[in-house]
Amino acid sequence: CAQRERGRVEKLRHESSQWEQEYKDVRSELTALRAVLVKARKESDVWAKQAKEAKEAYAAKNSELKELSAKVAELDQVSAHNTELSGKYAQHEQALEKTRAEVDRLNGVIEQRDTECVDLQGKVRHLANVKAAAETELEGLLKERRNLSVRVLDMEKEVEEARAQMEEHKEKFAVASRSNQEL
């Protein structure tokens, strides 16, 4: 029984160790995802700044266009430049939207991982409680076994004493029998 309890305790220790390792792995993955999120936010800020700069450049060129409306050749050149800036602005807007979507997705993954971590912490606490209860029960069984071992030793001692007394009575009976027969 005690050996079974030891096996059960070992199994619980092994499971607890596995849960702790899985918890560490999830925390590592969460840290990596947070790093990706920080990087994505930095990229988003860079793209937002570039989009703002492009928008400001677009506005500046538009005002130049109004001032230079009489100069058709220059107007064509400025217009081409504005078209190019509009394309860049649109590209930056698309990249910014993609980054925002990725940030939202990563936030969802982080929330999911946080929930998993909380669940794993609960499981680890539960396993620790089960382990503590099993160890307490094992200690009780070992104490009971020691008490029984002491009782068995006492009983063996009593049996030995009884045997010695029986031998002594046998010898006395044999002596008495011989004495009776001689008489």
N, C-alpha and C. Protein backbone atom coordinates (compact mmCIF):
# COMPACT_ATOMS: atom_id res chain seq x y z
N CYS A 1 0.83 -1.20 0.00
CA CYS A 1 0.00 0.00 0.00
C CYS A 1 0.88 1.26 0.00
N ALA A 2 1.91 1.21 0.87
CA ALA A 2 2.82 2.37 0.93
C ALA A 2 3.55 2.54 -0.39
N GLN A 3 3.90 1.40 -1.01
CA GLN A 3 4.61 1.48 -2.30
C GLN A 3 3.68 2.09 -3.36
N ARG A 4 2.39 1.72 -3.30
CA ARG A 4 1.43 2.30 -4.24
C ARG A 4 1.32 3.80 -4.02
N GLU A 5 1.30 4.21 -2.74
CA GLU A 5 1.21 5.63 -2.43
C GLU A 5 2.45 6.38 -2.92
N ARG A 6 3.63 5.72 -2.75
CA ARG A 6 4.85 6.36 -3.27
C ARG A 6 4.77 6.54 -4.78
N GLY A 7 4.24 5.51 -5.44
CA GLY A 7 4.09 5.59 -6.90
C GLY A 7 3.14 6.71 -7.28
N ARG A 8 2.06 6.82 -6.52
CA ARG A 8 1.10 7.88 -6.80
C ARG A 8 1.72 9.26 -6.58
N VAL A 9 2.50 9.40 -5.51
CA VAL A 9 3.17 10.66 -5.23
C VAL A 9 4.16 10.99 -6.34
N GLU A 10 4.90 9.96 -6.79
CA GLU A 10 5.87 10.19 -7.88
C GLU A 10 5.15 10.62 -9.16
N LYS A 11 4.01 9.97 -9.42
CA LYS A 11 3.24 10.33 -10.62
C LYS A 11 2.76 11.77 -10.51
N LEU A 12 2.28 12.16 -9.32
CA LEU A 12 1.82 13.54 -9.12
C LEU A 12 2.97 14.52 -9.25
N ARG A 13 4.13 14.14 -8.73
CA ARG A 13 5.31 15.02 -8.88
C ARG A 13 5.65 15.19 -10.35
N HIS A 14 5.59 14.07 -11.09
CA HIS A 14 5.91 14.13 -12.53
C HIS A 14 4.90 15.02 -13.26
N GLU A 15 3.59 14.84 -12.95
CA GLU A 15 2.58 15.67 -13.60
C GLU A 15 2.77 17.13 -13.23
N SER A 16 3.06 17.40 -11.98
CA SER A 16 3.28 18.77 -11.53
C SER A 16 4.46 19.38 -12.28
N SER A 17 5.52 18.60 -12.45
CA SER A 17 6.70 19.07 -13.18
C SER A 17 6.35 19.39 -14.63
N GLN A 18 5.51 18.51 -15.23
CA GLN A 18 5.10 18.76 -16.62
C GLN A 18 4.28 20.04 -16.73
N TRP A 19 3.34 20.24 -15.77
CA TRP A 19 2.52 21.46 -15.80
C TRP A 19 3.39 22.69 -15.62
N GLU A 20 4.36 22.60 -14.72
CA GLU A 20 5.24 23.75 -14.51
C GLU A 20 6.04 24.05 -15.77
N GLN A 21 6.52 23.00 -16.46
CA GLN A 21 7.27 23.21 -17.70
C GLN A 21 6.37 23.83 -18.77
N GLU A 22 5.12 23.32 -18.87
CA GLU A 22 4.20 23.87 -19.86
C GLU A 22 3.88 25.32 -19.54
N TYR A 23 3.76 25.64 -18.23
CA TYR A 23 3.52 27.03 -17.83
C TYR A 23 4.69 27.91 -18.26
N LYS A 24 5.93 27.43 -18.04
CA LYS A 24 7.11 28.20 -18.44
C LYS A 24 7.14 28.39 -19.96
N ASP A 25 6.79 27.34 -20.71
CA ASP A 25 6.78 27.44 -22.18
C ASP A 25 5.78 28.48 -22.64
N VAL A 26 4.57 28.46 -22.03
CA VAL A 26 3.53 29.42 -22.42
C VAL A 26 3.98 30.84 -22.07
N ARG A 27 4.62 31.01 -20.91
CA ARG A 27 5.10 32.33 -20.52
C ARG A 27 6.19 32.82 -21.50
N SER A 28 7.06 31.91 -21.96
CA SER A 28 8.10 32.27 -22.94
C SER A 28 7.46 32.70 -24.25
N GLU A 29 6.46 31.93 -24.68
CA GLU A 29 5.76 32.27 -25.93
C GLU A 29 5.07 33.62 -25.79
N LEU A 30 4.49 33.87 -24.61
CA LEU A 30 3.82 35.14 -24.35
C LEU A 30 4.81 36.29 -24.41
N THR A 31 5.98 36.10 -23.84
CA THR A 31 7.02 37.13 -23.89
C THR A 31 7.43 37.41 -25.33
N ALA A 32 7.58 36.34 -26.12
CA ALA A 32 7.95 36.51 -27.53
C ALA A 32 6.86 37.27 -28.28
N LEU A 33 5.58 36.94 -28.00
CA LEU A 33 4.48 37.63 -28.66
C LEU A 33 4.44 39.10 -28.26
N ARG A 34 4.77 39.38 -27.00
CA ARG A 34 4.79 40.78 -26.57
C ARG A 34 5.89 41.55 -27.30
N ALA A 35 7.03 40.89 -27.52
CA ALA A 35 8.13 41.52 -28.26
C ALA A 35 7.68 41.83 -29.69
N VAL A 36 6.96 40.89 -30.32
CA VAL A 36 6.45 41.11 -31.67
C VAL A 36 5.47 42.28 -31.67
N LEU A 37 4.63 42.34 -30.62
CA LEU A 37 3.66 43.42 -30.51
C LEU A 37 4.36 44.78 -30.39
N VAL A 38 5.40 44.84 -29.57
CA VAL A 38 6.15 46.10 -29.41
C VAL A 38 6.77 46.51 -30.74
N LYS A 39 7.33 45.52 -31.46
CA LYS A 39 7.93 45.81 -32.77
C LYS A 39 6.86 46.32 -33.74
N ALA A 40 5.70 45.66 -33.73
CA ALA A 40 4.62 46.06 -34.64
C ALA A 40 4.14 47.48 -34.30
N ARG A 41 4.09 47.79 -33.01
CA ARG A 41 3.67 49.15 -32.62
C ARG A 41 4.68 50.20 -33.08
N LYS A 42 5.98 49.84 -32.97
CA LYS A 42 7.01 50.78 -33.43
C LYS A 42 6.89 51.00 -34.94
N GLU A 43 6.68 49.89 -35.68
CA GLU A 43 6.51 50.02 -37.13
C GLU A 43 5.28 50.86 -37.46
N SER A 44 4.21 50.63 -36.69
CA SER A 44 2.99 51.39 -36.90
C SER A 44 3.24 52.89 -36.68
N ASP A 45 4.01 53.22 -35.64
CA ASP A 45 4.33 54.63 -35.37
C ASP A 45 5.15 55.23 -36.52
N VAL A 46 6.12 54.42 -37.02
CA VAL A 46 6.96 54.90 -38.14
C VAL A 46 6.09 55.16 -39.37
N TRP A 47 5.19 54.17 -39.65
CA TRP A 47 4.33 54.34 -40.83
C TRP A 47 3.37 55.52 -40.66
N ALA A 48 2.88 55.72 -39.45
CA ALA A 48 1.97 56.84 -39.20
C ALA A 48 2.72 58.17 -39.41
N LYS A 49 3.97 58.19 -38.94
CA LYS A 49 4.77 59.41 -39.13
C LYS A 49 5.02 59.66 -40.61
N GLN A 50 5.37 58.57 -41.32
CA GLN A 50 5.62 58.71 -42.76
C GLN A 50 4.34 59.14 -43.49
N ALA A 51 3.20 58.58 -43.08
CA ALA A 51 1.93 58.95 -43.71
C ALA A 51 1.63 60.42 -43.45
N LYS A 52 1.90 60.87 -42.20
CA LYS A 52 1.67 62.27 -41.87
C LYS A 52 2.58 63.18 -42.71
N GLU A 53 3.85 62.75 -42.80
CA GLU A 53 4.80 63.54 -43.61
C GLU A 53 4.36 63.57 -45.07
N ALA A 54 3.89 62.43 -45.57
CA ALA A 54 3.43 62.38 -46.94
C ALA A 54 2.20 63.28 -47.14
N LYS A 55 1.31 63.25 -46.16
CA LYS A 55 0.11 64.09 -46.24
C LYS A 55 0.48 65.57 -46.22
N GLU A 56 1.46 65.89 -45.33
CA GLU A 56 1.89 67.29 -45.26
C GLU A 56 2.57 67.71 -46.58
N ALA A 57 3.38 66.80 -47.13
CA ALA A 57 4.04 67.10 -48.40
C ALA A 57 2.99 67.28 -49.50
N TYR A 58 1.96 66.42 -49.45
CA TYR A 58 0.87 66.52 -50.43
C TYR A 58 0.18 67.88 -50.32
N ALA A 59 -0.09 68.32 -49.09
CA ALA A 59 -0.75 69.62 -48.88
C ALA A 59 0.14 70.77 -49.37
N ALA A 60 1.45 70.66 -49.12
CA ALA A 60 2.38 71.71 -49.55
C ALA A 60 2.39 71.82 -51.08
N LYS A 61 2.40 70.63 -51.70
CA LYS A 61 2.44 70.65 -53.17
C LYS A 61 1.13 71.19 -53.74
N ASN A 62 0.05 70.91 -53.05
CA ASN A 62 -1.25 71.44 -53.52
C ASN A 62 -1.26 72.96 -53.47
N SER A 63 -0.69 73.53 -52.38
CA SER A 63 -0.67 75.00 -52.31
C SER A 63 0.26 75.57 -53.39
N GLU A 64 1.36 74.85 -53.65
CA GLU A 64 2.24 75.29 -54.74
C GLU A 64 1.49 75.25 -56.07
N LEU A 65 0.64 74.23 -56.21
CA LEU A 65 -0.12 74.09 -57.45
C LEU A 65 -1.02 75.31 -57.68
N LYS A 66 -1.65 75.79 -56.59
CA LYS A 66 -2.51 76.97 -56.71
C LYS A 66 -1.69 78.21 -57.10
N GLU A 67 -0.48 78.32 -56.50
CA GLU A 67 0.37 79.48 -56.79
C GLU A 67 0.92 79.44 -58.21
N LEU A 68 1.17 78.23 -58.71
CA LEU A 68 1.82 78.09 -60.01
C LEU A 68 0.84 77.67 -61.11
N SER A 69 -0.45 77.98 -60.92
CA SER A 69 -1.46 77.55 -61.90
C SER A 69 -1.19 78.14 -63.29
N ALA A 70 -0.52 79.28 -63.36
CA ALA A 70 -0.25 79.91 -64.65
C ALA A 70 0.84 79.18 -65.41
N LYS A 71 1.69 78.49 -64.65
CA LYS A 71 2.81 77.81 -65.32
C LYS A 71 2.41 76.36 -65.55
N VAL A 72 1.95 76.06 -66.70
CA VAL A 72 1.41 74.74 -67.03
C VAL A 72 2.48 73.65 -66.93
N ALA A 73 3.67 73.94 -67.39
CA ALA A 73 4.73 72.93 -67.38
C ALA A 73 5.09 72.54 -65.93
N GLU A 74 5.22 73.57 -65.11
CA GLU A 74 5.51 73.30 -63.71
C GLU A 74 4.34 72.62 -63.02
N LEU A 75 3.10 73.02 -63.46
CA LEU A 75 1.90 72.40 -62.89
C LEU A 75 1.89 70.90 -63.16
N ASP A 76 2.28 70.50 -64.37
CA ASP A 76 2.32 69.07 -64.71
C ASP A 76 3.33 68.34 -63.82
N GLN A 77 4.49 68.95 -63.64
CA GLN A 77 5.52 68.33 -62.82
C GLN A 77 5.04 68.17 -61.37
N VAL A 78 4.44 69.23 -60.81
CA VAL A 78 3.95 69.18 -59.43
C VAL A 78 2.82 68.16 -59.31
N SER A 79 1.97 68.12 -60.34
CA SER A 79 0.85 67.17 -60.33
C SER A 79 1.35 65.72 -60.32
N ALA A 80 2.37 65.47 -61.13
CA ALA A 80 2.94 64.12 -61.15
C ALA A 80 3.52 63.76 -59.77
N HIS A 81 4.19 64.75 -59.19
CA HIS A 81 4.77 64.51 -57.87
C HIS A 81 3.67 64.24 -56.83
N ASN A 82 2.59 65.01 -56.93
CA ASN A 82 1.47 64.81 -56.00
C ASN A 82 0.84 63.43 -56.17
N THR A 83 0.75 62.97 -57.40
CA THR A 83 0.21 61.64 -57.66
C THR A 83 1.09 60.58 -57.00
N GLU A 84 2.39 60.77 -57.16
CA GLU A 84 3.33 59.82 -56.53
C GLU A 84 3.17 59.82 -55.01
N LEU A 85 3.07 61.02 -54.42
CA LEU A 85 2.89 61.12 -52.97
C LEU A 85 1.56 60.51 -52.53
N SER A 86 0.53 60.67 -53.34
CA SER A 86 -0.77 60.07 -53.02
C SER A 86 -0.66 58.55 -52.98
N GLY A 87 0.07 58.01 -53.96
CA GLY A 87 0.28 56.55 -53.98
C GLY A 87 1.02 56.08 -52.74
N LYS A 88 2.07 56.85 -52.38
CA LYS A 88 2.82 56.49 -51.17
C LYS A 88 1.94 56.59 -49.93
N TYR A 89 1.13 57.64 -49.89
CA TYR A 89 0.23 57.83 -48.76
C TYR A 89 -0.75 56.66 -48.67
N ALA A 90 -1.30 56.27 -49.81
CA ALA A 90 -2.23 55.13 -49.83
C ALA A 90 -1.53 53.84 -49.38
N GLN A 91 -0.30 53.67 -49.85
CA GLN A 91 0.47 52.49 -49.42
C GLN A 91 0.69 52.49 -47.91
N HIS A 92 1.06 53.67 -47.40
CA HIS A 92 1.28 53.78 -45.96
C HIS A 92 -0.01 53.53 -45.18
N GLU A 93 -1.12 54.04 -45.70
CA GLU A 93 -2.42 53.80 -45.05
C GLU A 93 -2.74 52.31 -45.03
N GLN A 94 -2.50 51.62 -46.15
CA GLN A 94 -2.76 50.17 -46.21
C GLN A 94 -1.86 49.43 -45.23
N ALA A 95 -0.58 49.82 -45.21
CA ALA A 95 0.36 49.17 -44.30
C ALA A 95 -0.05 49.42 -42.85
N LEU A 96 -0.51 50.64 -42.58
CA LEU A 96 -0.96 50.98 -41.23
C LEU A 96 -2.17 50.14 -40.84
N GLU A 97 -3.10 49.96 -41.74
CA GLU A 97 -4.29 49.13 -41.47
C GLU A 97 -3.89 47.68 -41.21
N LYS A 98 -2.95 47.17 -42.02
CA LYS A 98 -2.48 45.80 -41.81
C LYS A 98 -1.82 45.67 -40.43
N THR A 99 -1.02 46.68 -40.08
CA THR A 99 -0.35 46.66 -38.78
C THR A 99 -1.36 46.69 -37.64
N ARG A 100 -2.37 47.53 -37.80
CA ARG A 100 -3.42 47.60 -36.76
C ARG A 100 -4.13 46.25 -36.63
N ALA A 101 -4.43 45.63 -37.76
CA ALA A 101 -5.08 44.31 -37.72
C ALA A 101 -4.17 43.29 -37.04
N GLU A 102 -2.88 43.33 -37.34
CA GLU A 102 -1.92 42.39 -36.72
C GLU A 102 -1.81 42.66 -35.22
N VAL A 103 -1.79 43.94 -34.84
CA VAL A 103 -1.75 44.30 -33.41
C VAL A 103 -2.99 43.76 -32.70
N ASP A 104 -4.16 43.92 -33.33
CA ASP A 104 -5.40 43.39 -32.73
C ASP A 104 -5.32 41.88 -32.59
N ARG A 105 -4.81 41.20 -33.63
CA ARG A 105 -4.69 39.74 -33.59
C ARG A 105 -3.75 39.32 -32.46
N LEU A 106 -2.59 40.02 -32.38
CA LEU A 106 -1.62 39.68 -31.34
C LEU A 106 -2.18 39.94 -29.94
N ASN A 107 -2.96 41.02 -29.80
CA ASN A 107 -3.61 41.27 -28.51
C ASN A 107 -4.54 40.12 -28.14
N GLY A 108 -5.27 39.60 -29.14
CA GLY A 108 -6.14 38.45 -28.89
C GLY A 108 -5.35 37.22 -28.47
N VAL A 109 -4.22 37.00 -29.15
CA VAL A 109 -3.36 35.85 -28.79
C VAL A 109 -2.82 36.03 -27.37
N ILE A 110 -2.41 37.25 -27.04
CA ILE A 110 -1.87 37.51 -25.70
C ILE A 110 -2.95 37.26 -24.65
N GLU A 111 -4.17 37.74 -24.90
CA GLU A 111 -5.26 37.50 -23.94
C GLU A 111 -5.51 36.01 -23.79
N GLN A 112 -5.49 35.28 -24.90
CA GLN A 112 -5.70 33.83 -24.84
C GLN A 112 -4.59 33.17 -24.03
N ARG A 113 -3.34 33.57 -24.27
CA ARG A 113 -2.22 32.99 -23.54
C ARG A 113 -2.30 33.34 -22.05
N ASP A 114 -2.74 34.59 -21.75
CA ASP A 114 -2.91 34.96 -20.34
C ASP A 114 -3.94 34.06 -19.67
N THR A 115 -5.05 33.80 -20.38
CA THR A 115 -6.09 32.91 -19.85
C THR A 115 -5.52 31.51 -19.64
N GLU A 116 -4.75 31.01 -20.62
CA GLU A 116 -4.14 29.68 -20.49
C GLU A 116 -3.19 29.65 -19.30
N CYS A 117 -2.44 30.73 -19.10
CA CYS A 117 -1.51 30.79 -17.97
C CYS A 117 -2.27 30.72 -16.64
N VAL A 118 -3.37 31.46 -16.56
CA VAL A 118 -4.18 31.43 -15.34
C VAL A 118 -4.71 30.01 -15.10
N ASP A 119 -5.20 29.36 -16.18
CA ASP A 119 -5.68 27.98 -16.07
C ASP A 119 -4.56 27.06 -15.59
N LEU A 120 -3.39 27.20 -16.19
CA LEU A 120 -2.26 26.35 -15.82
C LEU A 120 -1.83 26.59 -14.36
N GLN A 121 -1.87 27.85 -13.94
CA GLN A 121 -1.53 28.14 -12.55
C GLN A 121 -2.52 27.45 -11.61
N GLY A 122 -3.81 27.46 -11.99
CA GLY A 122 -4.82 26.77 -11.19
C GLY A 122 -4.55 25.28 -11.13
N LYS A 123 -4.19 24.69 -12.27
CA LYS A 123 -3.89 23.26 -12.30
C LYS A 123 -2.67 22.94 -11.46
N VAL A 124 -1.64 23.81 -11.54
CA VAL A 124 -0.43 23.58 -10.75
C VAL A 124 -0.77 23.66 -9.25
N ARG A 125 -1.60 24.65 -8.85
CA ARG A 125 -1.99 24.76 -7.45
C ARG A 125 -2.77 23.52 -7.02
N HIS A 126 -3.68 23.06 -7.90
CA HIS A 126 -4.47 21.86 -7.58
C HIS A 126 -3.55 20.65 -7.40
N LEU A 127 -2.61 20.48 -8.32
CA LEU A 127 -1.68 19.35 -8.21
C LEU A 127 -0.82 19.45 -6.95
N ALA A 128 -0.45 20.66 -6.59
CA ALA A 128 0.34 20.84 -5.36
C ALA A 128 -0.49 20.43 -4.15
N ASN A 129 -1.79 20.79 -4.17
CA ASN A 129 -2.67 20.40 -3.06
C ASN A 129 -2.84 18.88 -3.01
N VAL A 130 -3.04 18.28 -4.18
CA VAL A 130 -3.18 16.82 -4.24
C VAL A 130 -1.90 16.15 -3.75
N LYS A 131 -0.76 16.70 -4.17
CA LYS A 131 0.53 16.14 -3.76
C LYS A 131 0.69 16.24 -2.24
N ALA A 132 0.34 17.41 -1.68
CA ALA A 132 0.46 17.59 -0.23
C ALA A 132 -0.44 16.61 0.51
N ALA A 133 -1.67 16.42 0.01
CA ALA A 133 -2.60 15.47 0.66
C ALA A 133 -2.05 14.05 0.57
N ALA A 134 -1.50 13.69 -0.59
CA ALA A 134 -0.95 12.34 -0.76
C ALA A 134 0.25 12.13 0.14
N GLU A 135 1.09 13.16 0.27
CA GLU A 135 2.26 13.03 1.14
C GLU A 135 1.83 12.89 2.60
N THR A 136 0.79 13.64 3.00
CA THR A 136 0.27 13.53 4.36
C THR A 136 -0.27 12.12 4.60
N GLU A 137 -1.04 11.63 3.63
CA GLU A 137 -1.59 10.28 3.75
C GLU A 137 -0.47 9.25 3.80
N LEU A 138 0.56 9.43 2.99
CA LEU A 138 1.70 8.51 2.98
C LEU A 138 2.41 8.52 4.33
N GLU A 139 2.59 9.72 4.90
CA GLU A 139 3.22 9.80 6.22
C GLU A 139 2.42 9.02 7.26
N GLY A 140 1.08 9.16 7.20
CA GLY A 140 0.22 8.42 8.13
C GLY A 140 0.38 6.92 7.95
N LEU A 141 0.41 6.48 6.69
CA LEU A 141 0.56 5.05 6.42
C LEU A 141 1.93 4.54 6.89
N LEU A 142 2.96 5.33 6.69
CA LEU A 142 4.28 4.92 7.15
C LEU A 142 4.34 4.84 8.68
N LYS A 143 3.69 5.78 9.34
CA LYS A 143 3.65 5.77 10.80
C LYS A 143 2.90 4.52 11.28
N GLU A 144 1.76 4.24 10.62
CA GLU A 144 0.99 3.06 10.98
C GLU A 144 1.81 1.79 10.73
N ARG A 145 2.56 1.77 9.66
CA ARG A 145 3.41 0.61 9.36
C ARG A 145 4.47 0.42 10.43
N ARG A 146 5.09 1.53 10.87
CA ARG A 146 6.09 1.44 11.94
C ARG A 146 5.47 0.90 13.22
N ASN A 147 4.26 1.38 13.54
CA ASN A 147 3.57 0.90 14.75
C ASN A 147 3.28 -0.59 14.63
N LEU A 148 2.83 -1.01 13.44
CA LEU A 148 2.55 -2.43 13.23
C LEU A 148 3.83 -3.26 13.33
N SER A 149 4.93 -2.74 12.80
CA SER A 149 6.21 -3.45 12.89
C SER A 149 6.62 -3.63 14.35
N VAL A 150 6.42 -2.61 15.17
CA VAL A 150 6.74 -2.70 16.60
C VAL A 150 5.85 -3.75 17.25
N ARG A 151 4.55 -3.75 16.89
CA ARG A 151 3.63 -4.75 17.45
C ARG A 151 4.03 -6.15 17.04
N VAL A 152 4.43 -6.31 15.76
CA VAL A 152 4.84 -7.64 15.29
C VAL A 152 6.07 -8.11 16.07
N LEU A 153 7.04 -7.21 16.28
CA LEU A 153 8.24 -7.57 17.04
C LEU A 153 7.86 -7.98 18.46
N ASP A 154 6.93 -7.20 19.07
CA ASP A 154 6.49 -7.54 20.43
C ASP A 154 5.82 -8.91 20.45
N MET A 155 4.97 -9.18 19.44
CA MET A 155 4.27 -10.47 19.38
C MET A 155 5.26 -11.61 19.15
N GLU A 156 6.28 -11.38 18.29
CA GLU A 156 7.29 -12.41 18.05
C GLU A 156 8.04 -12.71 19.35
N LYS A 157 8.30 -11.65 20.12
CA LYS A 157 8.97 -11.82 21.40
C LYS A 157 8.10 -12.65 22.34
N GLU A 158 6.79 -12.34 22.37
CA GLU A 158 5.86 -13.10 23.21
C GLU A 158 5.80 -14.56 22.78
N VAL A 159 5.79 -14.81 21.45
CA VAL A 159 5.75 -16.18 20.93
C VAL A 159 7.01 -16.92 21.37
N GLU A 160 8.17 -16.25 21.27
CA GLU A 160 9.42 -16.88 21.69
C GLU A 160 9.39 -17.23 23.18
N GLU A 161 8.87 -16.31 23.98
CA GLU A 161 8.76 -16.57 25.42
C GLU A 161 7.82 -17.73 25.68
N ALA A 162 6.68 -17.76 24.93
CA ALA A 162 5.71 -18.85 25.10
C ALA A 162 6.35 -20.18 24.70
N ARG A 163 7.13 -20.19 23.63
CA ARG A 163 7.81 -21.42 23.20
C ARG A 163 8.79 -21.90 24.27
N ALA A 164 9.53 -20.92 24.80
CA ALA A 164 10.49 -21.27 25.84
C ALA A 164 9.76 -21.87 27.04
N GLN A 165 8.62 -21.28 27.42
CA GLN A 165 7.83 -21.82 28.54
C GLN A 165 7.30 -23.21 28.21
N MET A 166 6.85 -23.40 26.95
CA MET A 166 6.35 -24.71 26.54
C MET A 166 7.45 -25.76 26.63
N GLU A 167 8.64 -25.37 26.17
CA GLU A 167 9.77 -26.30 26.24
C GLU A 167 10.06 -26.65 27.70
N GLU A 168 10.01 -25.64 28.53
CA GLU A 168 10.26 -25.85 29.95
C GLU A 168 9.20 -26.78 30.54
N HIS A 169 7.90 -26.56 30.16
CA HIS A 169 6.81 -27.41 30.65
C HIS A 169 6.95 -28.82 30.09
N LYS A 170 7.39 -28.93 28.82
CA LYS A 170 7.58 -30.26 28.23
C LYS A 170 8.62 -31.05 29.01
N GLU A 171 9.73 -30.34 29.32
CA GLU A 171 10.80 -31.01 30.06
C GLU A 171 10.29 -31.43 31.44
N LYS A 172 9.55 -30.54 32.11
CA LYS A 172 9.02 -30.88 33.43
C LYS A 172 8.04 -32.05 33.32
N PHE A 173 7.21 -32.04 32.26
CA PHE A 173 6.24 -33.11 32.05
C PHE A 173 6.95 -34.42 31.77
N ALA A 174 8.03 -34.34 30.95
CA ALA A 174 8.79 -35.55 30.63
C ALA A 174 9.43 -36.11 31.90
N VAL A 175 9.98 -35.22 32.73
CA VAL A 175 10.60 -35.65 33.98
C VAL A 175 9.53 -36.26 34.88
N ALA A 176 8.37 -35.61 34.95
CA ALA A 176 7.27 -36.11 35.79
C ALA A 176 6.78 -37.45 35.25
N SER A 177 6.69 -37.59 33.93
CA SER A 177 6.24 -38.85 33.32
C SER A 177 7.22 -39.96 33.66
N ARG A 178 8.50 -39.67 33.55
CA ARG A 178 9.50 -40.70 33.87
C ARG A 178 9.42 -41.09 35.34
N SER A 179 9.23 -40.10 36.17
CA SER A 179 9.11 -40.37 37.61
C SER A 179 7.88 -41.23 37.88
N ASN A 180 6.78 -40.95 37.21
CA ASN A 180 5.55 -41.72 37.36
C ASN A 180 5.75 -43.14 36.88
N GLN A 181 6.47 -43.29 35.79
CA GLN A 181 6.68 -44.62 35.23
C GLN A 181 7.60 -45.43 36.14
N GLU A 182 8.57 -44.78 36.72
CA GLU A 182 9.47 -45.50 37.61
C GLU A 182 8.73 -45.94 38.86
N LEU A 183 7.78 -45.17 39.27
CA LEU A 183 7.02 -45.54 40.47
C LEU A 183 6.07 -46.64 40.10
